[in-house]
Amino acid sequence: MNAFNVLFRFVITPMFLFSGTFFPVERLPVYLKGVAYATPLYHGVALTRGFVLGTIEFRAALVHGGVLLAIVVLSLVLAYRALSWRLVD
């Protein structure tokens, strides 16, 4: 099985299903709300929806933006380590 197919089947598709893109997170069961809040797509959707509808609060925008920034920084650090590890070997 191709790694790209595995990524889409087990990471990307569930992230879309549990991020509030198509279905409100508030209507999910409690154990799935935690999964939704952990996805970066949820924070992007909440931030975008709040700006478009004009209902975003400053604190919520900071929280969602901060989480997205933290995910970007963590991803860059992990990518740098993986690349430098591969270049050394």
PDB file of N, CA and C in Angstrom:
ATOM      1  N   MET A   1       0.848  -1.178   0.000  1.00  0.00           N
ATOM      2  CA  MET A   1       0.000   0.000   0.000  1.00  0.00           C
ATOM      3  C   MET A   1       0.895   1.245   0.000  1.00  0.00           C
ATOM      4  N   ASN A   2       0.520   2.178  -0.765  1.00  0.00           N
ATOM      5  CA  ASN A   2       1.276   3.405  -0.904  1.00  0.00           C
ATOM      6  C   ASN A   2       1.177   4.242   0.384  1.00  0.00           C
ATOM      7  N   ALA A   3       2.275   4.846   0.804  1.00  0.00           N
ATOM      8  CA  ALA A   3       2.280   5.656   2.024  1.00  0.00           C
ATOM      9  C   ALA A   3       1.369   6.866   1.893  1.00  0.00           C
ATOM     10  N   PHE A   4       1.244   7.391   0.681  1.00  0.00           N
ATOM     11  CA  PHE A   4       0.364   8.532   0.453  1.00  0.00           C
ATOM     12  C   PHE A   4      -1.095   8.153   0.708  1.00  0.00           C
ATOM     13  N   ASN A   5      -1.505   6.964   0.274  1.00  0.00           N
ATOM     14  CA  ASN A   5      -2.868   6.494   0.520  1.00  0.00           C
ATOM     15  C   ASN A   5      -3.123   6.288   2.008  1.00  0.00           C
ATOM     16  N   VAL A   6      -2.151   5.765   2.706  1.00  0.00           N
ATOM     17  CA  VAL A   6      -2.282   5.549   4.146  1.00  0.00           C
ATOM     18  C   VAL A   6      -2.431   6.882   4.860  1.00  0.00           C
ATOM     19  N   LEU A   7      -1.645   7.854   4.461  1.00  0.00           N
ATOM     20  CA  LEU A   7      -1.733   9.188   5.064  1.00  0.00           C
ATOM     21  C   LEU A   7      -3.123   9.775   4.881  1.00  0.00           C
ATOM     22  N   PHE A   8      -3.660   9.688   3.693  1.00  0.00           N
ATOM     23  CA  PHE A   8      -4.993  10.235   3.452  1.00  0.00           C
ATOM     24  C   PHE A   8      -6.080   9.452   4.166  1.00  0.00           C
ATOM     25  N   ARG A   9      -5.964   8.136   4.188  1.00  0.00           N
ATOM     26  CA  ARG A   9      -7.008   7.320   4.799  1.00  0.00           C
ATOM     27  C   ARG A   9      -7.058   7.466   6.309  1.00  0.00           C
ATOM     28  N   PHE A  10      -5.903   7.518   6.963  1.00  0.00           N
ATOM     29  CA  PHE A  10      -5.881   7.481   8.426  1.00  0.00           C
ATOM     30  C   PHE A  10      -5.569   8.816   9.098  1.00  0.00           C
ATOM     31  N   VAL A  11      -5.171   9.839   8.335  1.00  0.00           N
ATOM     32  CA  VAL A  11      -4.853  11.135   8.944  1.00  0.00           C
ATOM     33  C   VAL A  11      -5.729  12.249   8.370  1.00  0.00           C
ATOM     34  N   ILE A  12      -5.674  12.458   7.077  1.00  0.00           N
ATOM     35  CA  ILE A  12      -6.349  13.593   6.466  1.00  0.00           C
ATOM     36  C   ILE A  12      -7.871  13.466   6.531  1.00  0.00           C
ATOM     37  N   THR A  13      -8.414  12.321   6.145  1.00  0.00           N
ATOM     38  CA  THR A  13      -9.871  12.153   6.141  1.00  0.00           C
ATOM     39  C   THR A  13     -10.471  12.259   7.543  1.00  0.00           C
ATOM     40  N   PRO A  14      -9.931  11.578   8.562  1.00  0.00           N
ATOM     41  CA  PRO A  14     -10.487  11.780   9.906  1.00  0.00           C
ATOM     42  C   PRO A  14     -10.329  13.215  10.403  1.00  0.00           C
ATOM     43  N   MET A  15      -9.251  13.883   9.998  1.00  0.00           N
ATOM     44  CA  MET A  15      -9.076  15.269  10.422  1.00  0.00           C
ATOM     45  C   MET A  15     -10.207  16.140   9.860  1.00  0.00           C
ATOM     46  N   PHE A  16     -10.588  15.923   8.621  1.00  0.00           N
ATOM     47  CA  PHE A  16     -11.710  16.668   8.044  1.00  0.00           C
ATOM     48  C   PHE A  16     -13.025  16.306   8.720  1.00  0.00           C
ATOM     49  N   LEU A  17     -13.212  15.033   9.027  1.00  0.00           N
ATOM     50  CA  LEU A  17     -14.473  14.607   9.627  1.00  0.00           C
ATOM     51  C   LEU A  17     -14.660  15.147  11.040  1.00  0.00           C
ATOM     52  N   PHE A  18     -13.573  15.257  11.814  1.00  0.00           N
ATOM     53  CA  PHE A  18     -13.688  15.641  13.217  1.00  0.00           C
ATOM     54  C   PHE A  18     -13.198  17.055  13.507  1.00  0.00           C
ATOM     55  N   SER A  19     -13.107  17.915  12.503  1.00  0.00           N
ATOM     56  CA  SER A  19     -12.557  19.250  12.744  1.00  0.00           C
ATOM     57  C   SER A  19     -13.600  20.352  12.729  1.00  0.00           C
ATOM     58  N   GLY A  20     -14.835  20.028  12.458  1.00  0.00           N
ATOM     59  CA  GLY A  20     -15.864  21.053  12.397  1.00  0.00           C
ATOM     60  C   GLY A  20     -16.017  21.662  11.022  1.00  0.00           C
ATOM     61  N   THR A  21     -15.377  21.099  10.040  1.00  0.00           N
ATOM     62  CA  THR A  21     -15.489  21.622   8.682  1.00  0.00           C
ATOM     63  C   THR A  21     -16.879  21.345   8.116  1.00  0.00           C
ATOM     64  N   PHE A  22     -17.373  20.124   8.268  1.00  0.00           N
ATOM     65  CA  PHE A  22     -18.658  19.742   7.701  1.00  0.00           C
ATOM     66  C   PHE A  22     -19.728  19.506   8.758  1.00  0.00           C
ATOM     67  N   PHE A  23     -19.328  19.312   9.986  1.00  0.00           N
ATOM     68  CA  PHE A  23     -20.251  18.956  11.061  1.00  0.00           C
ATOM     69  C   PHE A  23     -19.832  19.721  12.310  1.00  0.00           C
ATOM     70  N   PRO A  24     -20.760  20.356  13.024  1.00  0.00           N
ATOM     71  CA  PRO A  24     -20.373  21.142  14.203  1.00  0.00           C
ATOM     72  C   PRO A  24     -19.731  20.278  15.290  1.00  0.00           C
ATOM     73  N   VAL A  25     -18.629  20.741  15.814  1.00  0.00           N
ATOM     74  CA  VAL A  25     -17.910  20.002  16.859  1.00  0.00           C
ATOM     75  C   VAL A  25     -18.760  19.892  18.123  1.00  0.00           C
ATOM     76  N   GLU A  26     -19.590  20.870  18.391  1.00  0.00           N
ATOM     77  CA  GLU A  26     -20.428  20.862  19.601  1.00  0.00           C
ATOM     78  C   GLU A  26     -21.400  19.687  19.619  1.00  0.00           C
ATOM     79  N   ARG A  27     -21.717  19.129  18.469  1.00  0.00           N
ATOM     80  CA  ARG A  27     -22.665  18.016  18.403  1.00  0.00           C
ATOM     81  C   ARG A  27     -21.970  16.659  18.458  1.00  0.00           C
ATOM     82  N   LEU A  28     -20.655  16.636  18.520  1.00  0.00           N
ATOM     83  CA  LEU A  28     -19.918  15.381  18.624  1.00  0.00           C
ATOM     84  C   LEU A  28     -19.981  14.849  20.050  1.00  0.00           C
ATOM     85  N   PRO A  29     -19.825  13.533  20.237  1.00  0.00           N
ATOM     86  CA  PRO A  29     -19.725  12.992  21.596  1.00  0.00           C
ATOM     87  C   PRO A  29     -18.489  13.556  22.303  1.00  0.00           C
ATOM     88  N   VAL A  30     -18.506  13.490  23.618  1.00  0.00           N
ATOM     89  CA  VAL A  30     -17.447  14.097  24.429  1.00  0.00           C
ATOM     90  C   VAL A  30     -16.075  13.538  24.061  1.00  0.00           C
ATOM     91  N   TYR A  31     -15.964  12.236  23.863  1.00  0.00           N
ATOM     92  CA  TYR A  31     -14.657  11.638  23.571  1.00  0.00           C
ATOM     93  C   TYR A  31     -14.136  12.041  22.190  1.00  0.00           C
ATOM     94  N   LEU A  32     -15.005  12.418  21.270  1.00  0.00           N
ATOM     95  CA  LEU A  32     -14.552  12.868  19.955  1.00  0.00           C
ATOM     96  C   LEU A  32     -14.260  14.366  19.926  1.00  0.00           C
ATOM     97  N   LYS A  33     -14.796  15.110  20.890  1.00  0.00           N
ATOM     98  CA  LYS A  33     -14.482  16.541  20.962  1.00  0.00           C
ATOM     99  C   LYS A  33     -12.996  16.746  21.237  1.00  0.00           C
ATOM    100  N   GLY A  34     -12.426  15.916  22.074  1.00  0.00           N
ATOM    101  CA  GLY A  34     -10.994  15.996  22.348  1.00  0.00           C
ATOM    102  C   GLY A  34     -10.168  15.742  21.103  1.00  0.00           C
ATOM    103  N   VAL A  35     -10.603  14.802  20.287  1.00  0.00           N
ATOM    104  CA  VAL A  35      -9.922  14.533  19.016  1.00  0.00           C
ATOM    105  C   VAL A  35     -10.041  15.749  18.110  1.00  0.00           C
ATOM    106  N   ALA A  36     -11.217  16.342  18.063  1.00  0.00           N
ATOM    107  CA  ALA A  36     -11.436  17.511  17.206  1.00  0.00           C
ATOM    108  C   ALA A  36     -10.574  18.684  17.655  1.00  0.00           C
ATOM    109  N   TYR A  37     -10.508  18.928  18.955  1.00  0.00           N
ATOM    110  CA  TYR A  37      -9.729  20.061  19.453  1.00  0.00           C
ATOM    111  C   TYR A  37      -8.229  19.867  19.243  1.00  0.00           C
ATOM    112  N   ALA A  38      -7.798  18.628  19.063  1.00  0.00           N
ATOM    113  CA  ALA A  38      -6.373  18.356  18.866  1.00  0.00           C
ATOM    114  C   ALA A  38      -5.931  18.526  17.417  1.00  0.00           C
ATOM    115  N   THR A  39      -6.864  18.629  16.491  1.00  0.00           N
ATOM    116  CA  THR A  39      -6.486  18.749  15.085  1.00  0.00           C
ATOM    117  C   THR A  39      -6.186  20.194  14.727  1.00  0.00           C
ATOM    118  N   PRO A  40      -5.174  20.415  13.916  1.00  0.00           N
ATOM    119  CA  PRO A  40      -4.880  21.789  13.500  1.00  0.00           C
ATOM    120  C   PRO A  40      -5.970  22.360  12.599  1.00  0.00           C
ATOM    121  N   LEU A  41      -6.652  21.511  11.873  1.00  0.00           N
ATOM    122  CA  LEU A  41      -7.710  21.996  10.987  1.00  0.00           C
ATOM    123  C   LEU A  41      -8.853  22.611  11.781  1.00  0.00           C
ATOM    124  N   TYR A  42      -9.154  22.081  12.971  1.00  0.00           N
ATOM    125  CA  TYR A  42     -10.201  22.666  13.807  1.00  0.00           C
ATOM    126  C   TYR A  42      -9.873  24.117  14.127  1.00  0.00           C
ATOM    127  N   HIS A  43      -8.632  24.374  14.500  1.00  0.00           N
ATOM    128  CA  HIS A  43      -8.245  25.737  14.866  1.00  0.00           C
ATOM    129  C   HIS A  43      -8.289  26.670  13.658  1.00  0.00           C
ATOM    130  N   GLY A  44      -7.898  26.168  12.501  1.00  0.00           N
ATOM    131  CA  GLY A  44      -7.986  26.975  11.285  1.00  0.00           C
ATOM    132  C   GLY A  44      -9.424  27.266  10.901  1.00  0.00           C
ATOM    133  N   VAL A  45     -10.296  26.269  11.029  1.00  0.00           N
ATOM    134  CA  VAL A  45     -11.713  26.446  10.709  1.00  0.00           C
ATOM    135  C   VAL A  45     -12.353  27.421  11.698  1.00  0.00           C
ATOM    136  N   ALA A  46     -12.079  27.269  12.971  1.00  0.00           N
ATOM    137  CA  ALA A  46     -12.658  28.161  13.979  1.00  0.00           C
ATOM    138  C   ALA A  46     -12.190  29.598  13.777  1.00  0.00           C
ATOM    139  N   LEU A  47     -10.927  29.773  13.472  1.00  0.00           N
ATOM    140  CA  LEU A  47     -10.383  31.109  13.242  1.00  0.00           C
ATOM    141  C   LEU A  47     -10.998  31.735  11.992  1.00  0.00           C
ATOM    142  N   THR A  48     -11.043  30.995  10.912  1.00  0.00           N
ATOM    143  CA  THR A  48     -11.600  31.510   9.662  1.00  0.00           C
ATOM    144  C   THR A  48     -13.091  31.794   9.799  1.00  0.00           C
ATOM    145  N   ARG A  49     -13.825  30.870  10.400  1.00  0.00           N
ATOM    146  CA  ARG A  49     -15.266  31.067  10.572  1.00  0.00           C
ATOM    147  C   ARG A  49     -15.553  32.291  11.437  1.00  0.00           C
ATOM    148  N   GLY A  50     -14.763  32.477  12.477  1.00  0.00           N
ATOM    149  CA  GLY A  50     -14.958  33.641  13.334  1.00  0.00           C
ATOM    150  C   GLY A  50     -14.690  34.953  12.620  1.00  0.00           C
ATOM    151  N   PHE A  51     -13.650  34.992  11.796  1.00  0.00           N
ATOM    152  CA  PHE A  51     -13.349  36.214  11.043  1.00  0.00           C
ATOM    153  C   PHE A  51     -14.395  36.487   9.974  1.00  0.00           C
ATOM    154  N   VAL A  52     -14.826  35.457   9.271  1.00  0.00           N
ATOM    155  CA  VAL A  52     -15.807  35.633   8.191  1.00  0.00           C
ATOM    156  C   VAL A  52     -17.156  36.085   8.744  1.00  0.00           C
ATOM    157  N   LEU A  53     -17.588  35.478   9.840  1.00  0.00           N
ATOM    158  CA  LEU A  53     -18.878  35.829  10.419  1.00  0.00           C
ATOM    159  C   LEU A  53     -18.811  37.048  11.326  1.00  0.00           C
ATOM    160  N   GLY A  54     -17.599  37.466  11.661  1.00  0.00           N
ATOM    161  CA  GLY A  54     -17.443  38.630  12.539  1.00  0.00           C
ATOM    162  C   GLY A  54     -17.757  38.335  13.988  1.00  0.00           C
ATOM    163  N   THR A  55     -17.639  37.084  14.395  1.00  0.00           N
ATOM    164  CA  THR A  55     -17.985  36.701  15.766  1.00  0.00           C
ATOM    165  C   THR A  55     -16.772  36.312  16.597  1.00  0.00           C
ATOM    166  N   ILE A  56     -15.591  36.482  16.063  1.00  0.00           N
ATOM    167  CA  ILE A  56     -14.383  36.056  16.776  1.00  0.00           C
ATOM    168  C   ILE A  56     -14.060  37.034  17.896  1.00  0.00           C
ATOM    169  N   GLU A  57     -13.676  36.498  19.022  1.00  0.00           N
ATOM    170  CA  GLU A  57     -13.193  37.322  20.126  1.00  0.00           C
ATOM    171  C   GLU A  57     -11.672  37.363  20.054  1.00  0.00           C
ATOM    172  N   PHE A  58     -11.097  38.415  20.598  1.00  0.00           N
ATOM    173  CA  PHE A  58      -9.650  38.600  20.527  1.00  0.00           C
ATOM    174  C   PHE A  58      -8.912  37.445  21.192  1.00  0.00           C
ATOM    175  N   ARG A  59      -9.391  37.032  22.346  1.00  0.00           N
ATOM    176  CA  ARG A  59      -8.731  35.946  23.082  1.00  0.00           C
ATOM    177  C   ARG A  59      -8.803  34.628  22.293  1.00  0.00           C
ATOM    178  N   ALA A  60      -9.954  34.343  21.705  1.00  0.00           N
ATOM    179  CA  ALA A  60     -10.103  33.121  20.913  1.00  0.00           C
ATOM    180  C   ALA A  60      -9.197  33.152  19.694  1.00  0.00           C
ATOM    181  N   ALA A  61      -9.082  34.318  19.059  1.00  0.00           N
ATOM    182  CA  ALA A  61      -8.194  34.441  17.902  1.00  0.00           C
ATOM    183  C   ALA A  61      -6.744  34.204  18.308  1.00  0.00           C
ATOM    184  N   LEU A  62      -6.354  34.711  19.466  1.00  0.00           N
ATOM    185  CA  LEU A  62      -4.991  34.476  19.951  1.00  0.00           C
ATOM    186  C   LEU A  62      -4.744  33.007  20.253  1.00  0.00           C
ATOM    187  N   VAL A  63      -5.714  32.354  20.859  1.00  0.00           N
ATOM    188  CA  VAL A  63      -5.557  30.933  21.193  1.00  0.00           C
ATOM    189  C   VAL A  63      -5.435  30.097  19.925  1.00  0.00           C
ATOM    190  N   HIS A  64      -6.354  30.291  18.982  1.00  0.00           N
ATOM    191  CA  HIS A  64      -6.318  29.505  17.746  1.00  0.00           C
ATOM    192  C   HIS A  64      -5.062  29.815  16.931  1.00  0.00           C
ATOM    193  N   GLY A  65      -4.709  31.085  16.839  1.00  0.00           N
ATOM    194  CA  GLY A  65      -3.489  31.458  16.119  1.00  0.00           C
ATOM    195  C   GLY A  65      -2.242  30.926  16.804  1.00  0.00           C
ATOM    196  N   GLY A  66      -2.234  30.947  18.131  1.00  0.00           N
ATOM    197  CA  GLY A  66      -1.091  30.421  18.874  1.00  0.00           C
ATOM    198  C   GLY A  66      -0.921  28.927  18.702  1.00  0.00           C
ATOM    199  N   VAL A  67      -2.027  28.205  18.711  1.00  0.00           N
ATOM    200  CA  VAL A  67      -1.956  26.751  18.499  1.00  0.00           C
ATOM    201  C   VAL A  67      -1.433  26.456  17.099  1.00  0.00           C
ATOM    202  N   LEU A  68      -1.930  27.183  16.094  1.00  0.00           N
ATOM    203  CA  LEU A  68      -1.451  26.971  14.731  1.00  0.00           C
ATOM    204  C   LEU A  68       0.024  27.317  14.601  1.00  0.00           C
ATOM    205  N   LEU A  69       0.444  28.395  15.243  1.00  0.00           N
ATOM    206  CA  LEU A  69       1.855  28.765  15.211  1.00  0.00           C
ATOM    207  C   LEU A  69       2.717  27.721  15.900  1.00  0.00           C
ATOM    208  N   ALA A  70       2.254  27.192  17.015  1.00  0.00           N
ATOM    209  CA  ALA A  70       3.001  26.146  17.724  1.00  0.00           C
ATOM    210  C   ALA A  70       3.127  24.887  16.866  1.00  0.00           C
ATOM    211  N   ILE A  71       2.075  24.533  16.149  1.00  0.00           N
ATOM    212  CA  ILE A  71       2.129  23.360  15.283  1.00  0.00           C
ATOM    213  C   ILE A  71       3.109  23.581  14.143  1.00  0.00           C
ATOM    214  N   VAL A  72       3.119  24.784  13.580  1.00  0.00           N
ATOM    215  CA  VAL A  72       4.063  25.094  12.495  1.00  0.00           C
ATOM    216  C   VAL A  72       5.497  25.018  13.002  1.00  0.00           C
ATOM    217  N   VAL A  73       5.766  25.611  14.162  1.00  0.00           N
ATOM    218  CA  VAL A  73       7.124  25.600  14.712  1.00  0.00           C
ATOM    219  C   VAL A  73       7.564  24.172  15.027  1.00  0.00           C
ATOM    220  N   LEU A  74       6.690  23.395  15.652  1.00  0.00           N
ATOM    221  CA  LEU A  74       7.019  22.006  15.965  1.00  0.00           C
ATOM    222  C   LEU A  74       7.278  21.203  14.689  1.00  0.00           C
ATOM    223  N   SER A  75       6.463  21.425  13.666  1.00  0.00           N
ATOM    224  CA  SER A  75       6.655  20.717  12.399  1.00  0.00           C
ATOM    225  C   SER A  75       7.982  21.092  11.743  1.00  0.00           C
ATOM    226  N   LEU A  76       8.348  22.367  11.794  1.00  0.00           N
ATOM    227  CA  LEU A  76       9.620  22.790  11.218  1.00  0.00           C
ATOM    228  C   LEU A  76      10.809  22.192  11.965  1.00  0.00           C
ATOM    229  N   VAL A  77      10.720  22.143  13.281  1.00  0.00           N
ATOM    230  CA  VAL A  77      11.801  21.552  14.075  1.00  0.00           C
ATOM    231  C   VAL A  77      11.938  20.061  13.757  1.00  0.00           C
ATOM    232  N   LEU A  78      10.822  19.352  13.696  1.00  0.00           N
ATOM    233  CA  LEU A  78      10.875  17.927  13.377  1.00  0.00           C
ATOM    234  C   LEU A  78      11.384  17.684  11.963  1.00  0.00           C
ATOM    235  N   ALA A  79      10.968  18.524  11.014  1.00  0.00           N
ATOM    236  CA  ALA A  79      11.451  18.372   9.636  1.00  0.00           C
ATOM    237  C   ALA A  79      12.943  18.654   9.557  1.00  0.00           C
ATOM    238  N   TYR A  80      13.425  19.658  10.281  1.00  0.00           N
ATOM    239  CA  TYR A  80      14.846  19.972  10.279  1.00  0.00           C
ATOM    240  C   TYR A  80      15.659  18.816  10.855  1.00  0.00           C
ATOM    241  N   ARG A  81      15.177  18.249  11.954  1.00  0.00           N
ATOM    242  CA  ARG A  81      15.889  17.119  12.564  1.00  0.00           C
ATOM    243  C   ARG A  81      15.906  15.899  11.647  1.00  0.00           C
ATOM    244  N   ALA A  82      14.771  15.625  11.014  1.00  0.00           N
ATOM    245  CA  ALA A  82      14.707  14.473  10.118  1.00  0.00           C
ATOM    246  C   ALA A  82      15.612  14.680   8.911  1.00  0.00           C
ATOM    247  N   LEU A  83      15.642  15.885   8.370  1.00  0.00           N
ATOM    248  CA  LEU A  83      16.475  16.152   7.210  1.00  0.00           C
ATOM    249  C   LEU A  83      17.950  16.105   7.569  1.00  0.00           C
ATOM    250  N   SER A  84      18.309  16.703   8.697  1.00  0.00           N
ATOM    251  CA  SER A  84      19.718  16.675   9.086  1.00  0.00           C
ATOM    252  C   SER A  84      20.174  15.261   9.439  1.00  0.00           C
ATOM    253  N   TRP A  85      19.266  14.453  10.005  1.00  0.00           N
ATOM    254  CA  TRP A  85      19.598  13.058  10.310  1.00  0.00           C
ATOM    255  C   TRP A  85      19.852  12.276   9.025  1.00  0.00           C
ATOM    256  N   ARG A  86      19.035  12.512   8.016  1.00  0.00           N
ATOM    257  CA  ARG A  86      19.206  11.809   6.744  1.00  0.00           C
ATOM    258  C   ARG A  86      20.448  12.270   5.994  1.00  0.00           C
ATOM    259  N   LEU A  87      20.810  13.547   6.115  1.00  0.00           N
ATOM    260  CA  LEU A  87      21.972  14.054   5.415  1.00  0.00           C
ATOM    261  C   LEU A  87      23.274  13.571   6.047  1.00  0.00           C
ATOM    262  N   VAL A  88      23.241  13.321   7.354  1.00  0.00           N
ATOM    263  CA  VAL A  88      24.448  12.868   8.049  1.00  0.00           C
ATOM    264  C   VAL A  88      24.736  11.411   7.695  1.00  0.00           C
ATOM    265  N   ASP A  89      23.709  10.588   7.602  1.00  0.00           N
ATOM    266  CA  ASP A  89      23.925   9.153   7.306  1.00  0.00           C
ATOM    267  C   ASP A  89      24.262   8.900   5.895  1.00  0.00           C
TER     268      ASP A  89
END
